[in-house]
C-alpha cells in the first residue's frame, strides 16, 4: 500500500515590514487630508453661492457643490465636524442636507455622531433656513427614519409652534406632511402659557394649517389675530412684521403709518432694515451685531455719517467690545491692512460686504489690542474709517510695508487678495519679511479673506508663508485666526483632528448619559 501523506503544517502569514516609504506615504496622505479639509472650511465660512465682484452666482455654486461632494465622499467624519465650526448658515444647511441624503454611506457610529451634530446645528440656525432645508429634503425624496426623527425633534422643540404656524406657515405645513407628524403633537402641552384655555381648543394648530375655516376663533392669540386681520386692521399690529406687511398691503394702509405702528413688534434686524423709515436711534444701534452694523453704516450717505458721527462711532465701539468679549485688550500691539479698494464693493447681492468686514474688523482689532496699541492702514490711504467707501486700486504691498514699520506683535490683513498696484508686491514683501527679516516670527501675520475664489476652490492667498483663512462675519475673527495657523503647513493632520474634536466637544456639550435599564433587567 502507498504511504499515508501527513498534512503539511499551515504556512505562517508573512508580515511585510513597514518601510520608510510606507510611513512617508501615510504622512503625505494625512497632509493632503488636512489641506483638503482646511480648503473646505475656508469655502464654507466665506462662500454663499451668490455673485461676487469677479465671479457669477453659477460659478460660485458649481465650485461650492464640487467641494461639498469631494469632502463628504473622502472625509465624511471631518465633513460632519465642520458643523461645529463657524461655517455660514448656507453651508451648514448644505452639510446637513448632504449627510441626510447619503445616509447609506455612513456607518452606525458615524450616523450617531452626525445625528448629534445635526440636531445641535439646527437648533442655532434661523427657522426660515431650517424650513427651507426641510423643503429641499422633501423635494429630493429623503424620508428615511433618521431624517423623520431629526425633523420631528426640531419641530416639537420649537418654543412657540403658533408663531411658526403664522410666520412660516408654508414651511411648517410642508414639514408636517412630509414626516407624517400629527399636528396635535405641536400643540402646547396643558399648563403651558399658550395651552388651550377652553374645551375643544386642542388640535387648533392642525385646524389652522389644514382647515383654516373650521373655527370661528382660536385660543392662541397669534392664530386668532391672523384670522381677524382679514377684516380688522387693528389685528394687523398684533402679528409679526413680515406677516403684518402682507395684510397692510391688502388693506392699503399707508406705509409710513404701518411702520410706525408695527415698530414695537419688529425684531432687531427688521428695525435695522427699516431704519431709514422708522428713524432707528443711535443708542439702539449698539445692540446690533458688529458686521451688520457696519453694513448699515456704509449704506448711509457720507453727509449723514458725518452728521451722526458721535452716535455711529459709539455704537461701533460698543458692538466691537461685545464681540471681543474676554479677549479684549489681550492681543498686544496690533497693526492691520484694510482693503477699501474698488473691489470691496462686492456685488449687487452682497453690496459692500467685503468693505463692511474690513470696517468691522478695524473696530474689533482696536478692542482686541492693548490700550493705544492699534493702528489701521487702509489701502486708499483713508484716515477716517467712518467715511470709507470703495475706491481705487489695491496697493497691498505698500500698505504692508507701512504696517510692518509699526513693529507690531500681530499683523492682520483684511483683503480679497487681489494685489494689483503693483501686482505681486505684497507676496514678495511677505516672503522676504518671513525668510530674511523675521525668520524667528516675532510678528504673527494673518490674512483673512472675505471673498471666495470660485476658480481656485479657496480664498485667494498672498503668499505661501502667510496663513490665510476665509471670513464672513468680523465677529468670528479671533476664532478664525486660531484656525489660520493650520493653513501655514507647520502643524500636522493630528493637530487638526484634535482641534476639530475639541471644537465639536465644546459645540455639543457633555454627551447625555444612557438611560438606566428598568429594574430587574440587565444592561
Protein backbone atom coordinates (compact mmCIF):
# COMPACT_ATOMS: atom_id res chain seq x y z
CA UNK A 1 0.00 0.00 0.00
CA UNK A 2 1.07 3.59 -0.56
CA UNK A 3 2.38 5.68 2.29
CA UNK A 4 -0.09 7.88 4.13
CA UNK A 5 0.54 11.51 3.40
CA UNK A 6 0.66 13.67 6.52
CA UNK A 7 -0.80 17.13 6.21
CA UNK A 8 1.83 19.80 5.92
CA UNK A 9 1.85 22.42 8.64
CA UNK A 10 -0.12 25.59 7.83
CA UNK A 11 2.06 28.26 6.40
CA UNK A 12 2.56 31.17 8.76
CA UNK A 13 1.37 34.51 7.42
CA UNK A 14 4.17 36.67 6.16
CA UNK A 15 4.11 40.21 7.58
CA UNK A 16 5.57 42.80 5.31
CA UNK A 17 7.97 45.06 7.16
CA UNK A 18 6.92 48.69 7.46
CA UNK A 19 9.28 50.75 5.36
CA UNK A 20 10.16 54.41 5.42
CA UNK A 21 8.27 54.74 2.14
CA UNK A 22 5.05 53.48 3.78
CA UNK A 23 5.44 55.97 6.62
CA UNK A 24 6.11 58.76 4.17
CA UNK A 25 3.06 57.80 2.08
CA UNK A 26 0.85 57.78 5.19
CA UNK A 27 2.22 61.15 6.32
CA UNK A 28 1.66 62.57 2.85
CA UNK A 29 -1.93 61.27 2.83
CA UNK A 30 -2.57 62.89 6.22
CA UNK A 31 -1.10 66.17 4.95
CA UNK A 32 -3.34 66.09 1.85
CA UNK A 33 -6.38 65.34 4.02
CA UNK A 34 -5.60 68.29 6.28
CA UNK A 35 -5.14 70.62 3.32
CA UNK A 36 -8.40 69.44 1.72
CA UNK A 37 -10.40 69.91 4.91
CA UNK A 38 -8.93 73.38 5.52
CA UNK A 39 -9.71 74.35 1.94
CA UNK A 40 -13.31 73.25 2.51
CA UNK A 41 -13.58 75.12 5.82
CA UNK A 42 -12.37 78.32 4.13
CA UNK A 43 -15.04 77.91 1.46
CA UNK A 44 -17.77 77.02 3.96
CA UNK A 45 -17.03 80.09 6.05
CA UNK A 46 -16.91 82.52 3.12
CA UNK A 47 -18.95 81.30 0.14
CA UNK A 48 -22.74 81.65 -0.11
CA UNK A 49 -23.31 80.69 -3.75
CA UNK A 50 -24.04 84.32 -4.63
CA UNK A 51 -22.43 86.61 -7.18
CA UNK A 52 -19.11 88.17 -6.18
CA UNK A 53 -17.13 91.01 -7.72
CA UNK A 54 -15.13 88.73 -10.04
CA UNK A 55 -17.40 85.68 -10.47
CA UNK A 56 -21.08 84.96 -11.09
CA UNK A 57 -23.54 83.02 -8.98
CA UNK A 58 -23.44 79.96 -11.27
CA UNK A 59 -19.65 79.71 -10.94
CA UNK A 60 -19.85 80.10 -7.18
CA UNK A 61 -22.50 77.37 -6.82
CA UNK A 62 -20.70 74.95 -9.15
CA UNK A 63 -17.40 75.38 -7.30
CA UNK A 64 -19.04 75.05 -3.88
CA UNK A 65 -21.10 71.99 -4.85
CA UNK A 66 -17.95 70.22 -6.06
CA UNK A 67 -16.18 70.89 -2.76
CA UNK A 68 -19.11 69.53 -0.76
CA UNK A 69 -19.25 66.35 -2.85
CA UNK A 70 -15.49 65.82 -2.71
CA UNK A 71 -15.01 66.34 1.02
CA UNK A 72 -18.14 64.43 2.00
CA UNK A 73 -17.10 61.45 -0.13
CA UNK A 74 -13.50 61.33 1.10
CA UNK A 75 -13.53 62.70 4.66
CA UNK A 76 -17.07 62.21 5.91
CA UNK A 77 -16.34 62.46 9.69
CA UNK A 78 -14.38 65.69 9.17
CA UNK A 79 -17.09 66.98 6.84
CA UNK A 80 -19.67 66.48 9.59
CA UNK A 81 -17.36 68.05 12.19
CA UNK A 82 -17.41 71.28 10.16
CA UNK A 83 -20.90 71.85 11.63
CA UNK A 84 -19.17 72.67 14.92
CA UNK A 85 -17.08 75.42 13.30
CA UNK A 86 -18.04 78.95 12.28
CA UNK A 87 -19.28 77.96 8.82
CA UNK A 88 -22.03 80.20 7.49
CA UNK A 89 -25.69 79.21 7.56
CA UNK A 90 -25.84 78.49 3.82
CA UNK A 91 -23.11 75.87 4.01
CA UNK A 92 -24.33 74.46 7.34
CA UNK A 93 -27.67 73.70 5.66
CA UNK A 94 -25.87 72.13 2.67
CA UNK A 95 -23.81 69.93 5.01
CA UNK A 96 -26.92 68.74 6.85
CA UNK A 97 -28.72 68.04 3.58
CA UNK A 98 -25.72 66.18 2.17
CA UNK A 99 -25.33 64.00 5.27
CA UNK A 100 -29.03 63.07 5.31
CA UNK A 101 -29.17 62.38 1.57
CA UNK A 102 -26.19 59.99 1.74
CA UNK A 103 -27.05 58.20 4.98
CA UNK A 104 -26.40 54.84 3.31
CA UNK A 105 -22.69 55.67 3.05
CA UNK A 106 -22.25 56.10 6.81
CA UNK A 107 -21.60 53.52 9.49
CA UNK A 108 -23.82 53.23 12.55
CA UNK A 109 -21.25 55.06 14.68
CA UNK A 110 -20.95 57.83 12.10
CA UNK A 111 -24.73 58.21 11.96
CA UNK A 112 -24.88 58.58 15.72
CA UNK A 113 -22.19 61.30 15.75
CA UNK A 114 -23.77 63.04 12.75
CA UNK A 115 -27.19 63.00 14.41
CA UNK A 116 -25.93 64.93 17.45
CA UNK A 117 -24.10 67.46 15.28
CA UNK A 118 -27.11 67.96 13.00
CA UNK A 119 -29.50 68.44 15.92
CA UNK A 120 -27.17 70.94 17.61
CA UNK A 121 -26.65 72.92 14.40
CA UNK A 122 -30.36 73.01 13.52
CA UNK A 123 -31.03 74.44 16.98
CA UNK A 124 -28.97 77.56 16.18
CA UNK A 125 -29.95 78.04 12.53
CA UNK A 126 -32.59 80.66 11.68
CA UNK A 127 -36.02 78.97 11.45
CA UNK A 128 -36.60 80.10 7.87
CA UNK A 129 -33.33 78.44 6.86
CA UNK A 130 -34.36 75.17 8.54
CA UNK A 131 -37.79 75.13 6.89
CA UNK A 132 -36.09 75.77 3.53
CA UNK A 133 -33.82 72.78 4.24
CA UNK A 134 -36.82 70.60 5.08
CA UNK A 135 -38.46 71.57 1.76
CA UNK A 136 -35.25 70.63 -0.08
CA UNK A 137 -35.21 67.23 1.62
CA UNK A 138 -38.84 66.68 0.64
CA UNK A 139 -38.14 67.66 -2.97
CA UNK A 140 -35.21 65.21 -3.03
CA UNK A 141 -37.40 62.40 -1.66
CA UNK A 142 -35.31 61.98 1.51
CA UNK A 143 -37.67 60.49 4.06
CA UNK A 144 -35.76 57.81 5.95
CA UNK A 145 -36.34 57.13 9.63
CA UNK A 146 -33.38 59.23 10.80
CA UNK A 147 -34.49 62.23 8.75
CA UNK A 148 -38.03 62.00 10.11
CA UNK A 149 -36.74 61.73 13.69
CA UNK A 150 -34.47 64.78 13.29
CA UNK A 151 -37.28 66.87 11.82
CA UNK A 152 -39.76 65.70 14.47
CA UNK A 153 -37.40 66.54 17.32
CA UNK A 154 -36.71 70.01 15.91
CA UNK A 155 -40.39 70.78 15.31
CA UNK A 156 -41.56 69.59 18.73
CA UNK A 157 -38.78 71.59 20.43
CA UNK A 158 -39.89 74.90 18.88
CA UNK A 159 -40.72 77.35 21.68
CA UNK A 160 -43.92 78.67 20.09
CA UNK A 161 -45.48 76.50 17.34
CA UNK A 162 -48.25 79.08 16.99
CA UNK A 163 -45.72 81.71 15.94
CA UNK A 164 -44.21 79.29 13.41
CA UNK A 165 -47.69 78.48 12.06
CA UNK A 166 -48.31 82.17 11.40
CA UNK A 167 -44.85 83.29 10.31
CA UNK A 168 -43.62 80.15 8.50
CA UNK A 169 -46.96 78.59 7.60
CA UNK A 170 -45.96 77.07 4.29
CA UNK A 171 -42.73 75.60 5.68
CA UNK A 172 -44.39 74.13 8.78
CA UNK A 173 -47.26 72.68 6.77
CA UNK A 174 -44.85 71.07 4.30
CA UNK A 175 -42.69 69.58 7.07
CA UNK A 176 -45.66 68.15 8.98
CA UNK A 177 -46.94 66.47 5.83
CA UNK A 178 -43.51 65.19 4.83
CA UNK A 179 -42.79 63.33 8.07
CA UNK A 180 -46.44 62.39 8.77
CA UNK A 181 -46.41 64.22 12.09
CA UNK A 182 -49.82 64.61 13.74
CA UNK A 183 -50.45 68.34 14.12
CA UNK A 184 -51.69 67.77 17.67
CA UNK A 185 -48.10 66.84 18.60
CA UNK A 186 -47.20 70.51 18.10
CA UNK A 187 -49.95 71.93 20.30
CA UNK A 188 -48.81 73.44 23.58
CA UNK A 189 -48.93 70.96 26.47
CA UNK A 190 -51.51 71.54 29.22
CA UNK A 191 -50.36 74.19 31.68
CA UNK A 192 -48.06 75.93 29.18
CA UNK A 193 -48.55 79.67 28.57
CA UNK A 194 -50.10 79.00 25.16
CA UNK A 195 -52.09 75.96 26.20
CA UNK A 196 -55.76 75.83 25.12
CA UNK A 197 -57.88 77.71 27.63
CA UNK A 198 -61.26 76.27 26.73
CA UNK A 199 -62.69 72.84 25.98
CA UNK A 200 -62.35 71.77 22.38
CA UNK A 201 -59.43 74.10 21.74
CA UNK A 202 -56.92 71.25 21.49
CA UNK A 203 -55.79 70.50 17.94
CA UNK A 204 -56.33 74.07 16.80
CA UNK A 205 -52.89 74.19 15.20
CA UNK A 206 -53.92 71.43 12.83
CA UNK A 207 -57.13 73.27 12.03
CA UNK A 208 -55.18 76.47 11.35
CA UNK A 209 -52.79 74.71 8.98
CA UNK A 210 -55.14 72.36 7.14
CA UNK A 211 -58.73 73.51 7.87
CA UNK A 212 -58.49 77.30 8.33
CA UNK A 213 -62.26 77.83 8.06
CA UNK A 214 -63.15 75.16 10.63
CA UNK A 215 -63.03 77.50 13.66
CA UNK A 216 -64.62 80.86 14.32
CA UNK A 217 -61.93 81.73 16.89
CA UNK A 218 -58.64 80.41 18.24
CA UNK A 219 -57.34 80.42 21.80
CA UNK A 220 -53.77 81.15 20.68
CA UNK A 221 -53.54 84.94 20.33
CA UNK A 222 -51.44 84.91 17.15
CA UNK A 223 -53.68 82.41 15.38
CA UNK A 224 -56.75 84.44 16.26
CA UNK A 225 -55.07 87.71 15.26
CA UNK A 226 -54.29 86.18 11.87
CA UNK A 227 -57.95 85.22 11.50
CA UNK A 228 -59.18 88.70 12.47
CA UNK A 229 -56.60 90.53 10.32
CA UNK A 230 -58.59 89.59 7.22
CA UNK A 231 -61.24 92.13 8.12
CA UNK A 232 -59.90 94.14 11.11
CA UNK A 233 -56.95 96.47 10.57
CA UNK A 234 -56.27 96.65 14.31
CA UNK A 235 -55.35 92.96 14.35
CA UNK A 236 -52.55 93.60 11.85
CA UNK A 237 -50.36 95.14 14.54
CA UNK A 238 -50.61 92.03 16.72
CA UNK A 239 -48.83 89.94 14.07
CA UNK A 240 -45.11 89.51 13.24
CA UNK A 241 -43.85 92.24 10.93
CA UNK A 242 -43.38 90.08 7.83
CA UNK A 243 -46.93 88.71 8.08
CA UNK A 244 -48.43 92.07 9.01
CA UNK A 245 -46.83 93.71 5.96
CA UNK A 246 -48.89 91.50 3.65
CA UNK A 247 -52.15 92.33 5.41
CA UNK A 248 -51.23 96.04 5.45
CA UNK A 249 -50.79 95.97 1.67
CA UNK A 250 -54.12 94.16 1.29
CA UNK A 251 -55.87 96.82 3.39
CA UNK A 252 -53.93 99.60 1.62
CA UNK A 253 -52.54 101.01 4.85
CA UNK A 254 -50.05 103.88 4.16
CA UNK A 255 -46.55 102.52 4.63
CA UNK A 256 -45.38 105.31 6.97
CA UNK A 257 -48.31 104.73 9.32
CA UNK A 258 -47.88 100.98 9.17
CA UNK A 259 -44.14 101.12 10.00
CA UNK A 260 -44.73 103.48 12.89
CA UNK A 261 -47.37 101.25 14.49
CA UNK A 262 -45.60 97.96 13.67
CA UNK A 263 -42.24 99.04 15.11
CA UNK A 264 -42.83 97.59 18.63
CA UNK A 265 -43.25 94.07 17.20
CA UNK A 266 -40.24 94.22 14.86
CA UNK A 267 -37.18 92.10 15.52
CA UNK A 268 -33.81 93.77 15.92
CA UNK A 269 -32.79 93.10 12.31
CA UNK A 270 -36.17 94.20 10.95
CA UNK A 271 -35.71 97.53 12.73
CA UNK A 272 -32.26 97.80 11.17
CA UNK A 273 -33.59 97.13 7.66
CA UNK A 274 -36.34 99.74 8.00
CA UNK A 275 -34.19 102.22 9.93
CA UNK A 276 -34.44 104.82 7.18
CA UNK A 277 -38.19 104.93 7.59
CA UNK A 278 -38.57 104.34 11.32
CA UNK A 279 -35.68 106.56 12.43
CA UNK A 280 -33.73 103.99 14.46
CA UNK A 281 -31.77 105.92 17.08
CA UNK A 282 -28.05 105.58 17.67
CA UNK A 283 -28.48 104.01 21.12
CA UNK A 284 -30.39 101.08 19.61
CA UNK A 285 -27.64 100.54 17.03
CA UNK A 286 -25.18 99.47 19.73
CA UNK A 287 -27.14 96.24 20.27
CA UNK A 288 -26.72 95.19 16.62
CA UNK A 289 -24.18 92.54 15.52
CA UNK A 290 -20.94 94.24 14.54
CA UNK A 291 -20.81 93.29 10.85
CA UNK A 292 -24.49 94.08 10.27
CA UNK A 293 -23.97 97.40 11.98
CA UNK A 294 -21.01 98.12 9.68
CA UNK A 295 -23.19 97.29 6.67
CA UNK A 296 -25.81 99.75 7.92
CA UNK A 297 -23.23 102.49 8.47
CA UNK A 298 -21.82 102.03 4.96
CA UNK A 299 -25.33 102.23 3.48
CA UNK A 300 -25.73 105.79 4.79
CA UNK A 301 -24.75 108.79 2.64
CA UNK A 302 -21.44 110.36 3.62
CA UNK A 303 -23.16 113.56 4.76
CA UNK A 304 -25.44 111.61 7.12
CA UNK A 305 -22.49 109.67 8.52
CA UNK A 306 -20.73 112.94 9.27
CA UNK A 307 -23.82 114.37 10.95
CA UNK A 308 -24.29 111.27 13.14
CA UNK A 309 -20.59 110.68 13.76
CA UNK A 310 -20.66 110.58 17.56
CA UNK A 311 -23.57 108.14 17.76
CA UNK A 312 -22.35 105.83 14.97
CA UNK A 313 -18.79 105.61 16.31
CA UNK A 314 -20.08 104.93 19.83
CA UNK A 315 -22.33 102.16 18.50
CA UNK A 316 -19.42 100.58 16.57
CA UNK A 317 -17.20 100.70 19.67
CA UNK A 318 -19.94 99.12 21.81
CA UNK A 319 -20.56 96.32 19.29
CA UNK A 320 -16.81 95.70 18.93
CA UNK A 321 -16.30 95.48 22.70
CA UNK A 322 -19.15 92.98 22.94
CA UNK A 323 -17.67 90.88 20.10
CA UNK A 324 -14.19 90.94 21.69
CA UNK A 325 -15.56 89.65 24.99
CA UNK A 326 -12.91 88.24 27.32
CA UNK A 327 -10.19 88.68 24.66
CA UNK A 328 -10.41 92.48 24.80
CA UNK A 329 -7.00 94.08 25.29
CA UNK A 330 -5.12 90.75 25.17
CA UNK A 331 -3.55 90.90 21.69
CA UNK A 332 -0.83 93.40 22.50
CA UNK A 333 0.46 95.61 19.69
CA UNK A 334 -1.64 95.13 16.54
CA UNK A 335 -1.49 96.62 13.06
CA UNK A 336 -3.98 95.98 10.26
CA UNK A 337 -4.05 96.41 6.49
CA UNK A 338 -7.65 97.04 5.43
CA UNK A 339 -8.85 96.83 1.83
CA UNK A 340 -11.21 99.62 0.70
CA UNK A 341 -10.36 99.32 -2.99
CA UNK A 342 -12.97 99.31 -5.76
CA UNK A 343 -13.45 95.52 -5.49
CA UNK A 344 -14.54 95.89 -1.85
CA UNK A 345 -17.93 96.92 -3.25
CA UNK A 346 -18.70 93.21 -3.69
CA UNK A 347 -21.74 92.70 -5.92
CA UNK A 348 -25.35 93.73 -6.26
CA UNK A 349 -26.48 90.93 -3.94
CA UNK A 350 -23.58 91.32 -1.46
CA UNK A 351 -23.30 95.08 -1.62
CA UNK A 352 -20.26 96.45 0.24
CA UNK A 353 -19.90 93.18 2.19
CA UNK A 354 -16.06 92.98 1.91
CA UNK A 355 -15.76 96.62 2.96
CA UNK A 356 -18.13 96.07 5.89
CA UNK A 357 -15.97 93.17 7.11
CA UNK A 358 -12.91 95.45 6.92
CA UNK A 359 -14.66 98.26 8.82
CA UNK A 360 -15.94 95.87 11.48
CA UNK A 361 -12.51 94.22 11.77
CA UNK A 362 -10.93 97.65 12.23
CA UNK A 363 -13.05 98.33 15.31
CA UNK A 364 -12.76 94.76 16.62
CA UNK A 365 -8.94 94.76 16.34
CA UNK A 366 -8.84 98.07 18.20
CA UNK A 367 -10.80 96.40 21.01
CA UNK A 368 -8.57 93.29 20.98
CA UNK A 369 -5.30 95.26 21.05
CA UNK A 370 -3.79 96.76 24.15
CA UNK A 371 -4.85 100.29 25.01
CA UNK A 372 -3.47 102.66 22.36
CA UNK A 373 -1.54 99.84 20.65
CA UNK A 374 -3.56 99.52 17.43
CA UNK A 375 -3.05 101.15 14.06
CA UNK A 376 -5.03 100.55 10.85
CA UNK A 377 -3.74 101.16 7.31
CA UNK A 378 -6.38 101.45 4.57
CA UNK A 379 -5.33 100.72 1.00
CA UNK A 380 -6.69 104.08 -0.20
CA UNK A 381 -4.76 105.99 2.47
CA UNK A 382 -8.02 106.74 4.31
CA UNK A 383 -7.62 108.26 7.76
CA UNK A 384 -11.31 108.47 8.71
CA UNK A 385 -12.80 104.93 8.70
CA UNK A 386 -16.36 106.23 9.13
CA UNK A 387 -16.10 107.77 5.65
CA UNK A 388 -14.94 104.54 3.99
CA UNK A 389 -16.27 103.75 0.52
CA UNK A 390 -14.96 101.52 -2.30
CA UNK A 391 -12.41 103.33 -4.46
CA UNK A 392 -9.13 102.93 -6.31
CA UNK A 393 -6.68 100.05 -6.84
CA UNK A 394 -5.32 97.61 -4.22
CA UNK A 395 -1.72 98.56 -3.23
CA UNK A 396 -1.43 95.88 -0.56
CA UNK A 397 2.36 95.62 -0.77
CA UNK A 398 2.87 99.31 0.05
CA UNK A 399 0.42 99.22 2.95
CA UNK A 400 2.01 96.05 4.36
CA UNK A 401 5.38 97.85 4.39
CA UNK A 402 3.72 100.73 6.26
CA UNK A 403 2.19 98.36 8.79
CA UNK A 404 5.45 96.44 9.40
CA UNK A 405 7.17 99.73 10.23
CA UNK A 406 4.94 99.84 13.33
CA UNK A 407 6.83 96.76 14.68
CA UNK A 408 3.56 95.05 15.67
CA UNK A 409 3.32 91.77 17.52
CA UNK A 410 0.44 90.82 15.23
CA UNK A 411 -0.37 91.96 11.68
CA UNK A 412 -3.84 91.21 10.27
CA UNK A 413 -4.59 91.74 6.57
CA UNK A 414 -8.28 92.01 5.60
CA UNK A 415 -8.48 91.84 1.81
CA UNK A 416 -9.75 89.80 -1.13
CA UNK A 417 -6.09 89.18 -2.05
CA UNK A 418 -6.11 90.83 -5.50
CA UNK A 419 -2.90 92.83 -5.08
CA UNK A 420 -2.59 94.93 -8.23
CA UNK A 421 -0.66 98.14 -7.55
CA UNK A 422 1.84 96.80 -8.48
CA UNK A 423 0.81 93.15 -8.94
CA UNK A 424 2.64 90.65 -6.73
CA UNK A 425 4.39 93.16 -4.49
CA UNK A 426 2.52 92.03 -1.36
CA UNK A 427 3.58 88.40 -1.81
CA UNK A 428 7.21 89.36 -2.34
CA UNK A 429 7.24 91.69 0.68
CA UNK A 430 5.78 88.97 2.90
CA UNK A 431 8.22 86.35 1.55
CA UNK A 432 11.28 88.49 2.22
CA UNK A 433 9.98 89.55 5.62
CA UNK A 434 9.41 85.97 6.71
CA UNK A 435 12.61 84.46 5.26
CA UNK A 436 15.13 87.28 5.71
CA UNK A 437 13.96 89.88 8.22
CA UNK A 438 11.80 87.93 10.66
CA UNK A 439 12.62 84.20 10.47
CA UNK A 440 12.00 83.97 14.21
CA UNK A 441 8.37 85.06 13.68
CA UNK A 442 8.33 87.91 16.16
CA UNK A 443 5.41 89.30 14.17
CA UNK A 444 2.47 86.95 13.59
CA UNK A 445 0.96 87.70 10.17
CA UNK A 446 -2.54 86.50 9.27
CA UNK A 447 -4.53 87.16 6.11
CA UNK A 448 -8.33 86.97 6.46
CA UNK A 449 -10.19 87.00 3.16
CA UNK A 450 -13.93 87.77 2.88
CA UNK A 451 -14.27 86.65 -0.76
CA UNK A 452 -14.36 83.07 -2.10
CA UNK A 453 -12.41 82.48 -5.32
CA UNK A 454 -14.54 80.05 -7.32
CA UNK A 455 -11.77 79.26 -9.82
CA UNK A 456 -9.27 78.33 -7.11
CA UNK A 457 -11.76 76.49 -4.83
CA UNK A 458 -10.42 78.57 -1.95
CA UNK A 459 -9.90 82.12 -0.79
CA UNK A 460 -7.10 83.89 -2.67
CA UNK A 461 -3.73 83.85 -0.87
CA UNK A 462 -0.99 86.47 -0.83
CA UNK A 463 1.99 84.23 0.00
CA UNK A 464 2.52 80.56 0.92
CA UNK A 465 4.30 81.59 4.12
CA UNK A 466 1.30 83.58 5.40
CA UNK A 467 -1.65 81.70 6.91
CA UNK A 468 -4.86 82.60 5.10
CA UNK A 469 -8.42 81.93 6.21
CA UNK A 470 -11.85 82.87 4.92
CA UNK A 471 -14.13 85.17 6.90
CA UNK A 472 -17.77 86.23 6.58
CA UNK A 473 -18.53 87.99 9.87
CA UNK A 474 -15.83 90.00 11.63
CA UNK A 475 -17.14 88.71 14.98
CA UNK A 476 -15.53 85.34 14.15
CA UNK A 477 -12.07 86.84 13.60
CA UNK A 478 -10.49 85.65 16.87
CA UNK A 479 -11.62 82.03 16.30
CA UNK A 480 -10.57 82.09 12.64
CA UNK A 481 -7.08 83.32 13.48
CA UNK A 482 -6.69 80.14 15.54
CA UNK A 483 -7.72 78.03 12.52
CA UNK A 484 -5.39 80.00 10.24
CA UNK A 485 -2.29 78.53 11.85
CA UNK A 486 -3.18 75.14 10.33
CA UNK A 487 -3.05 76.58 6.81
CA UNK A 488 0.62 77.51 7.20
CA UNK A 489 1.75 73.88 6.95
CA UNK A 490 3.62 73.94 10.28
CA UNK A 491 1.07 71.73 12.04
CA UNK A 492 0.03 68.23 11.02
CA UNK A 493 -3.19 66.34 10.50
CA UNK A 494 -3.15 65.03 14.07
CA UNK A 495 -3.22 68.56 15.47
CA UNK A 496 -6.07 69.49 13.11
CA UNK A 497 -8.12 66.45 14.13
CA UNK A 498 -7.52 67.24 17.80
CA UNK A 499 -8.67 70.81 17.20
CA UNK A 500 -11.84 69.63 15.43
CA UNK A 501 -12.54 67.15 18.23
CA UNK A 502 -12.15 69.92 20.80
CA UNK A 503 -14.45 72.28 18.90
CA UNK A 504 -17.01 69.50 18.47
CA UNK A 505 -16.95 68.73 22.17
CA UNK A 506 -17.44 72.39 23.04
CA UNK A 507 -20.25 72.72 20.49
CA UNK A 508 -22.16 69.64 21.63
CA UNK A 509 -21.52 69.87 25.35
CA UNK A 510 -21.39 66.73 27.53
CA UNK A 511 -22.92 63.64 25.98
CA UNK A 512 -26.16 62.63 27.70
CA UNK A 513 -25.79 59.59 29.95
CA UNK A 514 -27.61 56.44 28.79
CA UNK A 515 -30.92 55.80 30.49
CA UNK A 516 -30.70 53.17 33.24
CA UNK A 517 -32.24 49.82 32.45
CA UNK A 518 -35.55 49.03 34.18
CA UNK A 519 -35.19 47.29 37.50
CA UNK A 520 -34.74 43.56 37.13
CA UNK A 521 -33.24 43.77 33.63
CA UNK A 522 -29.59 43.52 32.74
CA UNK A 523 -27.88 46.24 30.75
